[in-house]
C-alpha atoms as a PDB file:
ATOM      1  CA  MET A   1     -23.360 -17.996 -18.935  1.00  0.00           C
ATOM      2  CA  GLU A   2     -22.606 -14.611 -20.517  1.00  0.00           C
ATOM      3  CA  LEU A   3     -19.914 -12.187 -19.395  1.00  0.00           C
ATOM      4  CA  ARG A   4     -22.336  -9.266 -19.478  1.00  0.00           C
ATOM      5  CA  ASP A   5     -24.653 -11.075 -17.047  1.00  0.00           C
ATOM      6  CA  LEU A   6     -21.744 -11.485 -14.635  1.00  0.00           C
ATOM      7  CA  GLU A   7     -20.899  -7.798 -14.982  1.00  0.00           C
ATOM      8  CA  TYR A   8     -24.527  -6.796 -14.393  1.00  0.00           C
ATOM      9  CA  PHE A   9     -24.643  -9.077 -11.343  1.00  0.00           C
ATOM     10  CA  ALA A  10     -21.517  -7.383  -9.898  1.00  0.00           C
ATOM     11  CA  VAL A  11     -23.135  -3.950 -10.310  1.00  0.00           C
ATOM     12  CA  VAL A  12     -26.310  -5.152  -8.586  1.00  0.00           C
ATOM     13  CA  ALA A  13     -24.168  -6.472  -5.728  1.00  0.00           C
ATOM     14  CA  GLU A  14     -22.373  -3.110  -5.531  1.00  0.00           C
ATOM     15  CA  TYR A  15     -25.593  -1.075  -5.293  1.00  0.00           C
ATOM     16  CA  GLY A  16     -27.726  -3.627  -3.421  1.00  0.00           C
ATOM     17  CA  ASN A  17     -30.685  -2.370  -5.420  1.00  0.00           C
ATOM     18  CA  VAL A  18     -31.887  -3.357  -8.895  1.00  0.00           C
ATOM     19  CA  ARG A  19     -33.325   0.060  -9.723  1.00  0.00           C
ATOM     20  CA  ARG A  20     -30.147   1.995  -8.820  1.00  0.00           C
ATOM     21  CA  ALA A  21     -27.988  -0.622 -10.584  1.00  0.00           C
ATOM     22  CA  SER A  22     -30.134  -0.354 -13.730  1.00  0.00           C
ATOM     23  CA  GLU A  23     -29.674   3.442 -13.701  1.00  0.00           C
ATOM     24  CA  ALA A  24     -25.904   3.027 -13.388  1.00  0.00           C
ATOM     25  CA  LEU A  25     -25.910   0.542 -16.287  1.00  0.00           C
ATOM     26  CA  ASP A  26     -28.399   2.572 -18.373  1.00  0.00           C
ATOM     27  CA  LEU A  27     -30.714  -0.456 -18.523  1.00  0.00           C
ATOM     28  CA  SER A  28     -34.372  -0.795 -17.667  1.00  0.00           C
ATOM     29  CA  PRO A  29     -35.107  -2.606 -14.365  1.00  0.00           C
ATOM     30  CA  PRO A  30     -36.985  -5.411 -16.212  1.00  0.00           C
ATOM     31  CA  ALA A  31     -33.993  -5.985 -18.506  1.00  0.00           C
ATOM     32  CA  LEU A  32     -31.651  -6.170 -15.525  1.00  0.00           C
ATOM     33  CA  SER A  33     -33.990  -8.525 -13.664  1.00  0.00           C
ATOM     34  CA  LYS A  34     -34.113 -10.736 -16.757  1.00  0.00           C
ATOM     35  CA  SER A  35     -30.294 -10.827 -16.801  1.00  0.00           C
ATOM     36  CA  LEU A  36     -30.261 -11.897 -13.140  1.00  0.00           C
ATOM     37  CA  ARG A  37     -32.772 -14.672 -13.804  1.00  0.00           C
ATOM     38  CA  ARG A  38     -30.736 -15.853 -16.779  1.00  0.00           C
ATOM     39  CA  LEU A  39     -27.604 -16.008 -14.619  1.00  0.00           C
ATOM     40  CA  GLU A  40     -29.460 -17.848 -11.829  1.00  0.00           C
ATOM     41  CA  GLN A  41     -30.732 -20.396 -14.339  1.00  0.00           C
ATOM     42  CA  SER A  42     -27.194 -20.886 -15.606  1.00  0.00           C
ATOM     43  CA  MET A  43     -25.886 -21.293 -12.038  1.00  0.00           C
ATOM     44  CA  ARG A  44     -28.918 -23.411 -11.034  1.00  0.00           C
ATOM     45  CA  ALA A  45     -29.053 -21.490  -7.779  1.00  0.00           C
ATOM     46  CA  LYS A  46     -30.633 -18.409  -6.260  1.00  0.00           C
ATOM     47  CA  LEU A  47     -28.145 -15.522  -6.244  1.00  0.00           C
ATOM     48  CA  VAL A  48     -30.157 -12.671  -4.700  1.00  0.00           C
ATOM     49  CA  GLU A  49     -32.994 -12.306  -2.233  1.00  0.00           C
ATOM     50  CA  ARG A  50     -35.441  -9.413  -2.509  1.00  0.00           C
ATOM     51  CA  THR A  51     -35.709  -7.191   0.588  1.00  0.00           C
ATOM     52  CA  PRO A  52     -37.748  -4.048   1.370  1.00  0.00           C
ATOM     53  CA  LYS A  53     -34.617  -1.970   0.733  1.00  0.00           C
ATOM     54  CA  GLY A  54     -33.390  -3.792  -2.373  1.00  0.00           C
ATOM     55  CA  VAL A  55     -31.567  -7.121  -2.668  1.00  0.00           C
ATOM     56  CA  ASP A  56     -29.192  -9.185  -0.533  1.00  0.00           C
ATOM     57  CA  LEU A  57     -26.800 -11.781  -1.921  1.00  0.00           C
ATOM     58  CA  THR A  58     -27.394 -15.403  -1.007  1.00  0.00           C
ATOM     59  CA  PRO A  59     -24.418 -17.532   0.125  1.00  0.00           C
ATOM     60  CA  VAL A  60     -24.081 -18.730  -3.476  1.00  0.00           C
ATOM     61  CA  GLY A  61     -24.266 -15.125  -4.664  1.00  0.00           C
ATOM     62  CA  LEU A  62     -21.504 -14.088  -2.262  1.00  0.00           C
ATOM     63  CA  ALA A  63     -19.295 -16.945  -3.469  1.00  0.00           C
ATOM     64  CA  LEU A  64     -19.937 -16.022  -7.102  1.00  0.00           C
ATOM     65  CA  LEU A  65     -19.169 -12.352  -6.432  1.00  0.00           C
ATOM     66  CA  THR A  66     -15.668 -13.264  -5.229  1.00  0.00           C
ATOM     67  CA  HIS A  67     -14.951 -15.028  -8.520  1.00  0.00           C
ATOM     68  CA  VAL A  68     -16.552 -12.251 -10.580  1.00  0.00           C
ATOM     69  CA  GLN A  69     -14.371  -9.626  -8.912  1.00  0.00           C
ATOM     70  CA  ARG A  70     -11.301 -11.707  -9.741  1.00  0.00           C
ATOM     71  CA  LEU A  71     -12.528 -12.106 -13.321  1.00  0.00           C
ATOM     72  CA  ARG A  72     -13.090  -8.364 -13.671  1.00  0.00           C
ATOM     73  CA  LEU A  73      -9.476  -7.715 -12.649  1.00  0.00           C
ATOM     74  CA  THR A  74      -8.270 -10.273 -15.175  1.00  0.00           C
ATOM     75  CA  LEU A  75     -10.347  -8.687 -17.939  1.00  0.00           C
ATOM     76  CA  GLN A  76      -8.939  -5.259 -17.018  1.00  0.00           C
ATOM     77  CA  ASP A  77      -5.447  -6.709 -17.301  1.00  0.00           C
ATOM     78  CA  VAL A  78      -6.256  -8.252 -20.706  1.00  0.00           C
ATOM     79  CA  HIS A  79      -7.639  -4.929 -21.937  1.00  0.00           C
ATOM     80  CA  ARG A  80      -4.573  -2.997 -20.773  1.00  0.00           C
ATOM     81  CA  GLU A  81      -2.160  -5.547 -22.267  1.00  0.00           C
ATOM     82  CA  ALA A  82      -3.977  -5.507 -25.614  1.00  0.00           C
ATOM     83  CA  GLU A  83      -3.989  -1.703 -25.626  1.00  0.00           C
ATOM     84  CA  ASP A  84      -0.261  -1.529 -24.837  1.00  0.00           C
ATOM     85  CA  LEU A  85       0.569  -4.014 -27.586  1.00  0.00           C
ATOM     86  CA  SER A  86      -1.740  -2.510 -30.203  1.00  0.00           C
ATOM     87  CA  LEU A  87      -0.555   1.063 -29.617  1.00  0.00           C
ATOM     88  CA  GLY A  88       3.087   0.125 -29.179  1.00  0.00           C
ATOM     89  CA  ARG A  89       3.511   2.297 -26.104  1.00  0.00           C
ATOM     90  CA  ALA A  90       4.753   1.817 -22.541  1.00  0.00           C
ATOM     91  CA  GLY A  91       1.323   2.754 -21.210  1.00  0.00           C
ATOM     92  CA  HIS A  92       0.238   3.984 -17.793  1.00  0.00           C
ATOM     93  CA  VAL A  93       1.784   2.834 -14.517  1.00  0.00           C
ATOM     94  CA  ARG A  94       0.164   3.263 -11.095  1.00  0.00           C
ATOM     95  CA  ILE A  95       2.678   3.174  -8.269  1.00  0.00           C
ATOM     96  CA  GLY A  96       2.178   2.989  -4.521  1.00  0.00           C
ATOM     97  CA  VAL A  97       5.203   4.178  -2.552  1.00  0.00           C
ATOM     98  CA  GLY A  98       5.948   4.379   1.164  1.00  0.00           C
ATOM     99  CA  ALA A  99       6.861   7.514   3.085  1.00  0.00           C
ATOM    100  CA  THR A 100      10.351   6.108   3.738  1.00  0.00           C
ATOM    101  CA  THR A 101      10.969   5.063   0.111  1.00  0.00           C
ATOM    102  CA  VAL A 102       9.439   8.003  -1.765  1.00  0.00           C
ATOM    103  CA  GLU A 103      12.839   9.777  -1.903  1.00  0.00           C
ATOM    104  CA  ASP A 104      14.181   6.898  -4.039  1.00  0.00           C
ATOM    105  CA  LEU A 105      11.434   7.141  -6.646  1.00  0.00           C
ATOM    106  CA  PRO A 106      12.146  10.396  -8.543  1.00  0.00           C
ATOM    107  CA  GLY A 107      15.443   9.182 -10.003  1.00  0.00           C
ATOM    108  CA  SER A 108      13.943   5.940 -11.285  1.00  0.00           C
ATOM    109  CA  CYS A 109      10.851   7.727 -12.624  1.00  0.00           C
ATOM    110  CA  ALA A 110      12.999  10.308 -14.403  1.00  0.00           C
ATOM    111  CA  ALA A 111      14.987   7.546 -16.114  1.00  0.00           C
ATOM    112  CA  LEU A 112      11.743   5.820 -17.098  1.00  0.00           C
ATOM    113  CA  LEU A 113      10.303   9.023 -18.597  1.00  0.00           C
ATOM    114  CA  GLN A 114      13.478   9.500 -20.635  1.00  0.00           C
ATOM    115  CA  GLN A 115      13.089   6.001 -22.070  1.00  0.00           C
ATOM    116  CA  ALA A 116       9.340   6.348 -22.663  1.00  0.00           C
ATOM    117  CA  PRO A 117       8.367  10.015 -23.220  1.00  0.00           C
ATOM    118  CA  GLY A 118       4.739   9.004 -23.829  1.00  0.00           C
ATOM    119  CA  LEU A 119       4.433   7.374 -20.419  1.00  0.00           C
ATOM    120  CA  THR A 120       1.881   8.542 -17.881  1.00  0.00           C
ATOM    121  CA  ALA A 121       2.125   7.667 -14.198  1.00  0.00           C
ATOM    122  CA  GLN A 122       0.048   7.945 -11.053  1.00  0.00           C
ATOM    123  CA  ILE A 123       1.886   7.918  -7.705  1.00  0.00           C
ATOM    124  CA  THR A 124       0.211   7.286  -4.352  1.00  0.00           C
ATOM    125  CA  VAL A 125       2.140   7.790  -1.101  1.00  0.00           C
ATOM    126  CA  GLY A 126       0.981   5.753   1.886  1.00  0.00           C
ATOM    127  CA  ASP A 127       1.573   2.770   4.129  1.00  0.00           C
ATOM    128  CA  ASN A 128       1.125  -0.873   3.141  1.00  0.00           C
ATOM    129  CA  ASP A 129      -2.113  -1.210   5.127  1.00  0.00           C
ATOM    130  CA  GLU A 130      -3.605   1.556   2.952  1.00  0.00           C
ATOM    131  CA  MET A 131      -2.072   0.591  -0.389  1.00  0.00           C
ATOM    132  CA  LEU A 132      -2.546  -3.186  -0.272  1.00  0.00           C
ATOM    133  CA  PRO A 133      -6.356  -3.038  -0.755  1.00  0.00           C
ATOM    134  CA  ALA A 134      -5.824  -0.742  -3.758  1.00  0.00           C
ATOM    135  CA  LEU A 135      -3.300  -3.219  -5.206  1.00  0.00           C
ATOM    136  CA  ARG A 136      -5.675  -6.146  -4.717  1.00  0.00           C
ATOM    137  CA  HIS A 137      -8.560  -4.234  -6.294  1.00  0.00           C
ATOM    138  CA  GLY A 138      -6.477  -3.413  -9.368  1.00  0.00           C
ATOM    139  CA  ASP A 139      -6.134   0.322  -8.603  1.00  0.00           C
ATOM    140  CA  LEU A 140      -2.334   0.031  -8.257  1.00  0.00           C
ATOM    141  CA  ASP A 141       0.116  -1.908 -10.426  1.00  0.00           C
ATOM    142  CA  LEU A 142       2.830  -2.237  -7.790  1.00  0.00           C
ATOM    143  CA  ILE A 143       3.956  -1.056  -4.375  1.00  0.00           C
ATOM    144  CA  PHE A 144       7.507   0.093  -3.647  1.00  0.00           C
ATOM    145  CA  ASN A 145       7.945  -0.015   0.112  1.00  0.00           C
ATOM    146  CA  VAL A 146       9.138  -1.951   3.146  1.00  0.00           C
ATOM    147  CA  LEU A 147       8.354  -5.668   2.715  1.00  0.00           C
ATOM    148  CA  PRO A 148       6.553  -7.877   5.225  1.00  0.00           C
ATOM    149  CA  ASP A 149       8.238 -11.011   6.619  1.00  0.00           C
ATOM    150  CA  ALA A 150       6.124 -13.161   4.272  1.00  0.00           C
ATOM    151  CA  PRO A 151       4.348 -12.141   1.053  1.00  0.00           C
ATOM    152  CA  TYR A 152       0.798 -10.890   1.439  1.00  0.00           C
ATOM    153  CA  PRO A 153      -1.822 -13.445   0.271  1.00  0.00           C
ATOM    154  CA  GLY A 154      -2.262 -13.270  -3.485  1.00  0.00           C
ATOM    155  CA  CYS A 155       0.884 -11.154  -3.933  1.00  0.00           C
ATOM    156  CA  LEU A 156       4.501 -11.586  -4.963  1.00  0.00           C
ATOM    157  CA  GLN A 157       7.379  -9.505  -3.628  1.00  0.00           C
ATOM    158  CA  GLU A 158      10.966  -8.864  -4.676  1.00  0.00           C
ATOM    159  CA  ARG A 159      13.601  -7.587  -2.246  1.00  0.00           C
ATOM    160  CA  LEU A 160      15.741  -4.755  -3.632  1.00  0.00           C
ATOM    161  CA  PHE A 161      17.787  -3.562  -0.641  1.00  0.00           C
ATOM    162  CA  ASP A 162      17.656  -3.127   3.149  1.00  0.00           C
ATOM    163  CA  ASP A 163      16.749  -0.102   5.235  1.00  0.00           C
ATOM    164  CA  LEU A 164      17.695   0.489   8.870  1.00  0.00           C
ATOM    165  CA  PHE A 165      15.178   2.105  11.223  1.00  0.00           C
ATOM    166  CA  VAL A 166      16.629   4.158  14.085  1.00  0.00           C
ATOM    167  CA  VAL A 167      15.413   6.407  16.907  1.00  0.00           C
ATOM    168  CA  CYS A 168      15.841  10.148  16.389  1.00  0.00           C
ATOM    169  CA  ALA A 169      15.395  13.382  18.339  1.00  0.00           C
ATOM    170  CA  ALA A 170      16.078  17.082  18.008  1.00  0.00           C
ATOM    171  CA  ALA A 171      19.807  17.858  17.995  1.00  0.00           C
ATOM    172  CA  ASP A 172      19.415  19.816  21.266  1.00  0.00           C
ATOM    173  CA  HIS A 173      17.414  17.076  23.023  1.00  0.00           C
ATOM    174  CA  PRO A 174      19.048  16.053  26.344  1.00  0.00           C
ATOM    175  CA  LEU A 175      19.330  12.462  25.132  1.00  0.00           C
ATOM    176  CA  ALA A 176      21.140  13.511  21.932  1.00  0.00           C
ATOM    177  CA  ARG A 177      24.375  13.996  23.904  1.00  0.00           C
ATOM    178  CA  ARG A 178      24.313  10.512  25.418  1.00  0.00           C
ATOM    179  CA  ARG A 179      26.541   7.729  24.065  1.00  0.00           C
ATOM    180  CA  ARG A 180      24.283   4.987  25.392  1.00  0.00           C
ATOM    181  CA  ILE A 181      20.599   5.232  26.302  1.00  0.00           C
ATOM    182  CA  PRO A 182      18.871   2.451  28.293  1.00  0.00           C
ATOM    183  CA  LEU A 183      15.580   1.288  26.836  1.00  0.00           C
ATOM    184  CA  ALA A 184      13.841   2.011  30.148  1.00  0.00           C
ATOM    185  CA  GLU A 185      14.566   5.727  29.723  1.00  0.00           C
ATOM    186  CA  LEU A 186      12.956   5.752  26.284  1.00  0.00           C
ATOM    187  CA  ALA A 187       9.808   4.188  27.739  1.00  0.00           C
ATOM    188  CA  ARG A 188       9.372   7.366  29.802  1.00  0.00           C
ATOM    189  CA  GLU A 189       9.700   9.705  26.798  1.00  0.00           C
ATOM    190  CA  ASP A 190       6.895  10.999  24.574  1.00  0.00           C
ATOM    191  CA  TRP A 191       6.969   9.943  20.918  1.00  0.00           C
ATOM    192  CA  THR A 192       5.500  10.809  17.547  1.00  0.00           C
ATOM    193  CA  LEU A 193       4.801   7.685  15.473  1.00  0.00           C
ATOM    194  CA  SER A 194       2.620   6.480  12.620  1.00  0.00           C
ATOM    195  CA  VAL A 195      -0.612   4.525  13.174  1.00  0.00           C
ATOM    196  CA  PRO A 196      -0.522   1.272  15.211  1.00  0.00           C
ATOM    197  CA  SER A 197      -1.078  -0.991  12.186  1.00  0.00           C
ATOM    198  CA  VAL A 198       2.201   0.090  10.535  1.00  0.00           C
ATOM    199  CA  MET A 199       5.028  -2.448  10.875  1.00  0.00           C
ATOM    200  CA  ASN A 200       7.622  -0.144  12.446  1.00  0.00           C
ATOM    201  CA  VAL A 201       5.203   0.845  15.223  1.00  0.00           C
ATOM    202  CA  GLN A 202       4.447  -2.824  15.867  1.00  0.00           C
ATOM    203  CA  HIS A 203       8.201  -3.477  16.079  1.00  0.00           C
ATOM    204  CA  ILE A 204       8.643  -0.813  18.765  1.00  0.00           C
ATOM    205  CA  ARG A 205       5.780  -2.291  20.778  1.00  0.00           C
ATOM    206  CA  ARG A 206       7.261  -5.803  20.547  1.00  0.00           C
ATOM    207  CA  VAL A 207      10.718  -4.653  21.720  1.00  0.00           C
ATOM    208  CA  PHE A 208       9.390  -2.813  24.760  1.00  0.00           C
ATOM    209  CA  GLU A 209       7.080  -5.696  25.693  1.00  0.00           C
ATOM    210  CA  ALA A 210       9.922  -8.237  25.274  1.00  0.00           C
ATOM    211  CA  ASN A 211      11.969  -6.205  27.752  1.00  0.00           C
ATOM    212  CA  GLY A 212       9.127  -6.000  30.268  1.00  0.00           C
ATOM    213  CA  LEU A 213       8.529  -2.303  29.617  1.00  0.00           C
ATOM    214  CA  PRO A 214       5.334  -0.417  28.791  1.00  0.00           C
ATOM    215  CA  MET A 215       4.811   1.040  25.351  1.00  0.00           C
ATOM    216  CA  PRO A 216       5.863   4.735  25.462  1.00  0.00           C
ATOM    217  CA  ARG A 217       3.214   7.418  25.301  1.00  0.00           C
ATOM    218  CA  ILE A 218       2.509   8.434  21.701  1.00  0.00           C
ATOM    219  CA  ALA A 219       1.869  12.150  21.993  1.00  0.00           C
ATOM    220  CA  VAL A 220       1.264  12.653  18.269  1.00  0.00           C
ATOM    221  CA  GLU A 221       0.091   9.921  15.900  1.00  0.00           C
ATOM    222  CA  ALA A 222       0.448  10.843  12.215  1.00  0.00           C
ATOM    223  CA  ARG A 223       1.141   8.991   8.979  1.00  0.00           C
ATOM    224  CA  PRO A 224       3.120  11.696   7.092  1.00  0.00           C
ATOM    225  CA  LEU A 225       6.828  11.175   7.749  1.00  0.00           C
ATOM    226  CA  ARG A 226       7.813  14.787   7.086  1.00  0.00           C
ATOM    227  CA  LEU A 227       5.261  16.001   9.644  1.00  0.00           C
ATOM    228  CA  ARG A 228       6.592  13.640  12.313  1.00  0.00           C
ATOM    229  CA  LEU A 229      10.175  14.713  11.682  1.00  0.00           C
ATOM    230  CA  GLN A 230       9.265  18.407  11.823  1.00  0.00           C
ATOM    231  CA  LEU A 231       7.491  17.824  15.148  1.00  0.00           C
ATOM    232  CA  CYS A 232      10.474  15.866  16.388  1.00  0.00           C
ATOM    233  CA  ALA A 233      12.830  18.716  15.475  1.00  0.00           C
ATOM    234  CA  SER A 234      10.757  21.410  17.201  1.00  0.00           C
ATOM    235  CA  THR A 235       9.733  19.520  20.373  1.00  0.00           C
ATOM    236  CA  ARG A 236      11.114  16.988  22.834  1.00  0.00           C
ATOM    237  CA  LEU A 237       9.331  14.135  21.043  1.00  0.00           C
ATOM    238  CA  LEU A 238      11.233  11.073  19.831  1.00  0.00           C
ATOM    239  CA  SER A 239      10.515   9.283  16.570  1.00  0.00           C
ATOM    240  CA  PHE A 240      11.477   6.170  14.605  1.00  0.00           C
ATOM    241  CA  VAL A 241      12.702   6.627  11.055  1.00  0.00           C
ATOM    242  CA  VAL A 242      14.823   5.112   8.309  1.00  0.00           C
ATOM    243  CA  ARG A 243      18.438   6.200   8.768  1.00  0.00           C
ATOM    244  CA  ARG A 244      18.716   7.094   5.082  1.00  0.00           C
ATOM    245  CA  ALA A 245      15.741   9.464   5.304  1.00  0.00           C
ATOM    246  CA  LEU A 246      17.087  10.941   8.517  1.00  0.00           C
ATOM    247  CA  ARG A 247      20.404  11.761   6.846  1.00  0.00           C
ATOM    248  CA  LEU A 248      18.564  13.541   4.034  1.00  0.00           C
ATOM    249  CA  VAL A 249      16.575  15.820   6.337  1.00  0.00           C
ATOM    250  CA  ALA A 250      18.868  16.071   9.373  1.00  0.00           C
ATOM    251  CA  PRO A 251      20.882  19.128   8.194  1.00  0.00           C
ATOM    252  CA  GLY A 252      17.753  21.186   7.535  1.00  0.00           C
ATOM    253  CA  LEU A 253      15.774  20.106  10.579  1.00  0.00           C
ATOM    254  CA  ARG A 254      18.667  19.598  13.033  1.00  0.00           C
ATOM    255  CA  LEU A 255      17.785  16.037  13.954  1.00  0.00           C
ATOM    256  CA  LYS A 256      20.110  13.452  15.422  1.00  0.00           C
ATOM    257  CA  GLU A 257      20.101   9.662  15.602  1.00  0.00           C
ATOM    258  CA  LEU A 258      20.049   8.339  19.179  1.00  0.00           C
ATOM    259  CA  ALA A 259      22.299   5.502  20.333  1.00  0.00           C
ATOM    260  CA  VAL A 260      19.653   2.839  20.964  1.00  0.00           C
ATOM    261  CA  ASP A 261      20.864  -0.508  19.636  1.00  0.00           C
ATOM    262  CA  GLU A 262      17.861  -2.450  20.997  1.00  0.00           C
ATOM    263  CA  LEU A 263      15.436  -0.620  18.713  1.00  0.00           C
ATOM    264  CA  LYS A 264      17.509  -0.646  15.505  1.00  0.00           C
ATOM    265  CA  TRP A 265      15.513  -2.581  12.945  1.00  0.00           C
ATOM    266  CA  ARG A 266      16.747  -3.714   9.548  1.00  0.00           C
ATOM    267  CA  ARG A 267      13.947  -4.244   7.031  1.00  0.00           C
ATOM    268  CA  PRO A 268      13.958  -5.346   3.384  1.00  0.00           C
ATOM    269  CA  VAL A 269      12.638  -2.854   0.844  1.00  0.00           C
ATOM    270  CA  GLY A 270      11.261  -3.955  -2.497  1.00  0.00           C
ATOM    271  CA  VAL A 271       8.311  -4.184  -4.835  1.00  0.00           C
ATOM    272  CA  ILE A 272       4.980  -5.930  -4.284  1.00  0.00           C
ATOM    273  CA  TYR A 273       2.540  -6.835  -7.040  1.00  0.00           C
ATOM    274  CA  ARG A 274      -0.398  -9.161  -7.548  1.00  0.00           C
ATOM    275  CA  ASN A 275       0.342 -12.796  -8.278  1.00  0.00           C
ATOM    276  CA  GLU A 276      -0.384 -13.759 -11.896  1.00  0.00           C
ATOM    277  CA  SER A 277      -1.429 -10.202 -12.775  1.00  0.00           C
ATOM    278  CA  TYR A 278      -0.461  -8.283 -15.899  1.00  0.00           C
ATOM    279  CA  LEU A 279       2.442  -5.893 -15.451  1.00  0.00           C
ATOM    280  CA  SER A 280       2.624  -3.298 -18.215  1.00  0.00           C
ATOM    281  CA  PRO A 281       5.928  -2.650 -20.004  1.00  0.00           C
ATOM    282  CA  ALA A 282       6.201   0.566 -17.976  1.00  0.00           C
ATOM    283  CA  ALA A 283       5.795  -1.256 -14.664  1.00  0.00           C
ATOM    284  CA  GLN A 284       8.314  -3.922 -15.661  1.00  0.00           C
ATOM    285  CA  GLN A 285      10.864  -1.302 -16.695  1.00  0.00           C
ATOM    286  CA  LEU A 286      10.342   0.645 -13.466  1.00  0.00           C
ATOM    287  CA  ILE A 287      11.103  -2.491 -11.467  1.00  0.00           C
ATOM    288  CA  ARG A 288      14.300  -2.998 -13.488  1.00  0.00           C
ATOM    289  CA  LEU A 289      15.330   0.592 -12.713  1.00  0.00           C
ATOM    290  CA  LEU A 290      14.541   0.192  -9.018  1.00  0.00           C
ATOM    291  CA  ARG A 291      16.794  -2.891  -8.937  1.00  0.00           C
ATOM    292  CA  THR A 292      19.754  -0.634  -9.657  1.00  0.00           C
ATOM    293  CA  LEU A 293      19.237   1.389  -6.467  1.00  0.00           C
ATOM    294  CA  LYS A 294      22.001   1.200  -3.909  1.00  0.00           C
ATOM    295  CA  SER A 295      21.140   1.830  -0.279  1.00  0.00           C
ATOM    296  CA  ASP A 296      23.524   3.188   2.323  1.00  0.00           C
ATOM    297  CA  ALA A 297      20.999   2.497   5.073  1.00  0.00           C
ATOM    298  CA  GLY A 298      23.230   0.092   6.926  1.00  0.00           C
ATOM    299  CA  ARG A 299      26.376   2.220   6.903  1.00  0.00           C
END
């Protein structure tokens, strides 16, 4: 079994068509078909079935593709590690960061750039449900965000500090003057929240359901945190945000935390990366810098 045959097989699986795969690989279709036959002989099993539109993977082919994808990630890691070592540089780091943790990143990145002036970085802002597939596919080196209760399959996580999620509203909202707000009243308010798959939205749903109350009406659903806070400040909508982020933007947007103890939610924040994957010197140093962060979220 040759590595190039496995790579060619993965490209065929990606395109589902030998002719288009051969064009992508700059090979002739007969040469690519010969590679597939050679791999099938090595595996002693049929890997693809010809169809009018191209090829479909057999059950054995699907199983092999899973291993090939894992092998491709490993080979990418080996290549990057060898390049970092041979060139004696920190390399390139690809970071996924959450909307509630992005404010913590500039300081750590600035310190990293001072230590490694030749460093290049790519930063993606999103939620875990968006960034996790990119991490698993090798498009991100690590995620810096709120952590799940248990590590995602195939991933490791390290807790750095805790954040506290709270309810907020415009400073002139009628509820902003109240010292205590029953949960039932909040169920009748309109909200602006992120998408349903995000953990903090799921938390809100669980709390209302546990108290026998309906989920409030989500008037505006949006992922960007800044957009939700701006809407919250200029309307009567409520939102759910990290207290630390709220304190950063509250003076400019005139937002206020509401006294709702039932919905307060303390969550660990940390880094997530693939289990047994290569972490470049830059990624390792960034994690060390992030460990020095101090959060005032619980104060």
